[in-house]
Amino acid sequence: MSGNVWEWCWDWYNKDYYKIEKGDNPKGPEMGERRTVRGGSWDSQVNYLRPANRISTPPNKTHEFYGFRVARTITE
């Protein structure tokens, strides 16, 4: 999961969000100014190469180090 590209996430970024919101896989704040990217890329220092690592980026920023996973929520 880490080491290829930073994973671009749908969540808005709030550095203190996990202190505020408890539970598994919180969806992130309702609004914000920056998006979350996670995991580190091939050009990251070793301390950034972990899936739980997250940083923020402007929502319109593109970079060769950013990518995304296609995921689908299945509801029954």
C-alpha atoms as a PDB file:
ATOM      1  CA  MET A   1       0.000   0.000   0.000  1.00  0.00           C
ATOM      2  CA  SER A   2       2.879   2.375   0.626  1.00  0.00           C
ATOM      3  CA  GLY A   3       5.712   3.230  -1.668  1.00  0.00           C
ATOM      4  CA  ASN A   4       4.069   3.549  -5.082  1.00  0.00           C
ATOM      5  CA  VAL A   5       2.150   6.860  -4.899  1.00  0.00           C
ATOM      6  CA  TRP A   6       0.416   8.844  -2.186  1.00  0.00           C
ATOM      7  CA  GLU A   7      -3.208   7.702  -2.184  1.00  0.00           C
ATOM      8  CA  TRP A   8      -5.583  10.574  -2.953  1.00  0.00           C
ATOM      9  CA  CYS A   9      -8.579  10.281  -0.591  1.00  0.00           C
ATOM     10  CA  TRP A  10     -12.122  11.609  -0.750  1.00  0.00           C
ATOM     11  CA  ASP A  11     -11.853  12.914   2.837  1.00  0.00           C
ATOM     12  CA  TRP A  12     -11.296  16.555   3.664  1.00  0.00           C
ATOM     13  CA  TYR A  13      -8.238  17.026   5.880  1.00  0.00           C
ATOM     14  CA  ASN A  14      -8.281  17.980   9.544  1.00  0.00           C
ATOM     15  CA  LYS A  15      -5.070  17.171  11.432  1.00  0.00           C
ATOM     16  CA  ASP A  16      -6.984  16.627  14.685  1.00  0.00           C
ATOM     17  CA  TYR A  17      -9.922  14.681  13.237  1.00  0.00           C
ATOM     18  CA  TYR A  18      -8.943  11.306  14.720  1.00  0.00           C
ATOM     19  CA  LYS A  19      -8.783  12.899  18.166  1.00  0.00           C
ATOM     20  CA  ILE A  20     -12.354  14.169  17.693  1.00  0.00           C
ATOM     21  CA  GLU A  21     -14.043  11.297  15.834  1.00  0.00           C
ATOM     22  CA  LYS A  22     -13.898   7.802  17.297  1.00  0.00           C
ATOM     23  CA  GLY A  23     -14.671   4.494  15.632  1.00  0.00           C
ATOM     24  CA  ASP A  24     -13.538   2.542  12.605  1.00  0.00           C
ATOM     25  CA  ASN A  25     -12.954   4.318   9.293  1.00  0.00           C
ATOM     26  CA  PRO A  26     -14.385   7.763  10.048  1.00  0.00           C
ATOM     27  CA  LYS A  27     -15.474   9.567   6.888  1.00  0.00           C
ATOM     28  CA  GLY A  28     -13.689  12.842   7.620  1.00  0.00           C
ATOM     29  CA  PRO A  29     -15.031  16.359   8.138  1.00  0.00           C
ATOM     30  CA  GLU A  30     -18.066  17.527   6.163  1.00  0.00           C
ATOM     31  CA  MET A  31     -16.119  20.407   4.561  1.00  0.00           C
ATOM     32  CA  GLY A  32     -12.611  21.736   4.349  1.00  0.00           C
ATOM     33  CA  GLU A  33      -9.996  23.532   2.298  1.00  0.00           C
ATOM     34  CA  ARG A  34      -7.552  20.656   1.760  1.00  0.00           C
ATOM     35  CA  ARG A  35      -7.894  16.960   0.849  1.00  0.00           C
ATOM     36  CA  THR A  36      -6.166  14.012   2.478  1.00  0.00           C
ATOM     37  CA  VAL A  37      -3.450  11.956   0.809  1.00  0.00           C
ATOM     38  CA  ARG A  38      -2.117   8.835   2.535  1.00  0.00           C
ATOM     39  CA  GLY A  39       0.685   6.335   2.547  1.00  0.00           C
ATOM     40  CA  GLY A  40       3.787   7.877   0.991  1.00  0.00           C
ATOM     41  CA  SER A  41       5.249   7.435  -2.489  1.00  0.00           C
ATOM     42  CA  TRP A  42       8.334   5.993  -4.137  1.00  0.00           C
ATOM     43  CA  ASP A  43      10.115   9.291  -3.451  1.00  0.00           C
ATOM     44  CA  SER A  44       9.176   9.540   0.263  1.00  0.00           C
ATOM     45  CA  GLN A  45      11.512   9.187   3.196  1.00  0.00           C
ATOM     46  CA  VAL A  46      11.155   5.868   4.996  1.00  0.00           C
ATOM     47  CA  ASN A  47       9.290   7.402   7.991  1.00  0.00           C
ATOM     48  CA  TYR A  48       6.456   8.406   5.605  1.00  0.00           C
ATOM     49  CA  LEU A  49       6.006   4.894   4.174  1.00  0.00           C
ATOM     50  CA  ARG A  50       3.077   3.571   6.161  1.00  0.00           C
ATOM     51  CA  PRO A  51      -0.614   3.317   5.230  1.00  0.00           C
ATOM     52  CA  ALA A  52      -1.741   5.314   8.278  1.00  0.00           C
ATOM     53  CA  ASN A  53       0.426   8.293   7.347  1.00  0.00           C
ATOM     54  CA  ARG A  54      -1.637  11.199   6.026  1.00  0.00           C
ATOM     55  CA  ILE A  55      -0.918  14.710   4.852  1.00  0.00           C
ATOM     56  CA  SER A  56      -3.010  17.457   3.248  1.00  0.00           C
ATOM     57  CA  THR A  57      -3.001  18.958  -0.215  1.00  0.00           C
ATOM     58  CA  PRO A  58      -5.113  21.537  -2.060  1.00  0.00           C
ATOM     59  CA  PRO A  59      -8.032  19.799  -3.832  1.00  0.00           C
ATOM     60  CA  ASN A  60      -6.912  21.015  -7.268  1.00  0.00           C
ATOM     61  CA  LYS A  61      -3.255  19.988  -6.937  1.00  0.00           C
ATOM     62  CA  THR A  62      -1.862  17.265  -9.173  1.00  0.00           C
ATOM     63  CA  HIS A  63       1.502  15.620  -8.795  1.00  0.00           C
ATOM     64  CA  GLU A  64       3.339  12.616 -10.177  1.00  0.00           C
ATOM     65  CA  PHE A  65       3.493  11.268  -6.615  1.00  0.00           C
ATOM     66  CA  TYR A  66      -0.327  11.246  -6.195  1.00  0.00           C
ATOM     67  CA  GLY A  67      -2.605   8.411  -7.294  1.00  0.00           C
ATOM     68  CA  PHE A  68      -5.813   6.747  -6.173  1.00  0.00           C
ATOM     69  CA  ARG A  69      -7.442   3.377  -5.710  1.00  0.00           C
ATOM     70  CA  VAL A  70     -10.800   2.628  -7.231  1.00  0.00           C
ATOM     71  CA  ALA A  71     -13.138   1.406  -4.528  1.00  0.00           C
ATOM     72  CA  ARG A  72     -16.823   0.658  -4.375  1.00  0.00           C
ATOM     73  CA  THR A  73     -19.116   0.519  -1.384  1.00  0.00           C
ATOM     74  CA  ILE A  74     -21.461  -2.426  -1.555  1.00  0.00           C
ATOM     75  CA  THR A  75     -24.757  -2.085   0.246  1.00  0.00           C
ATOM     76  CA  GLU A  76     -27.254  -4.866   0.641  1.00  0.00           C
END
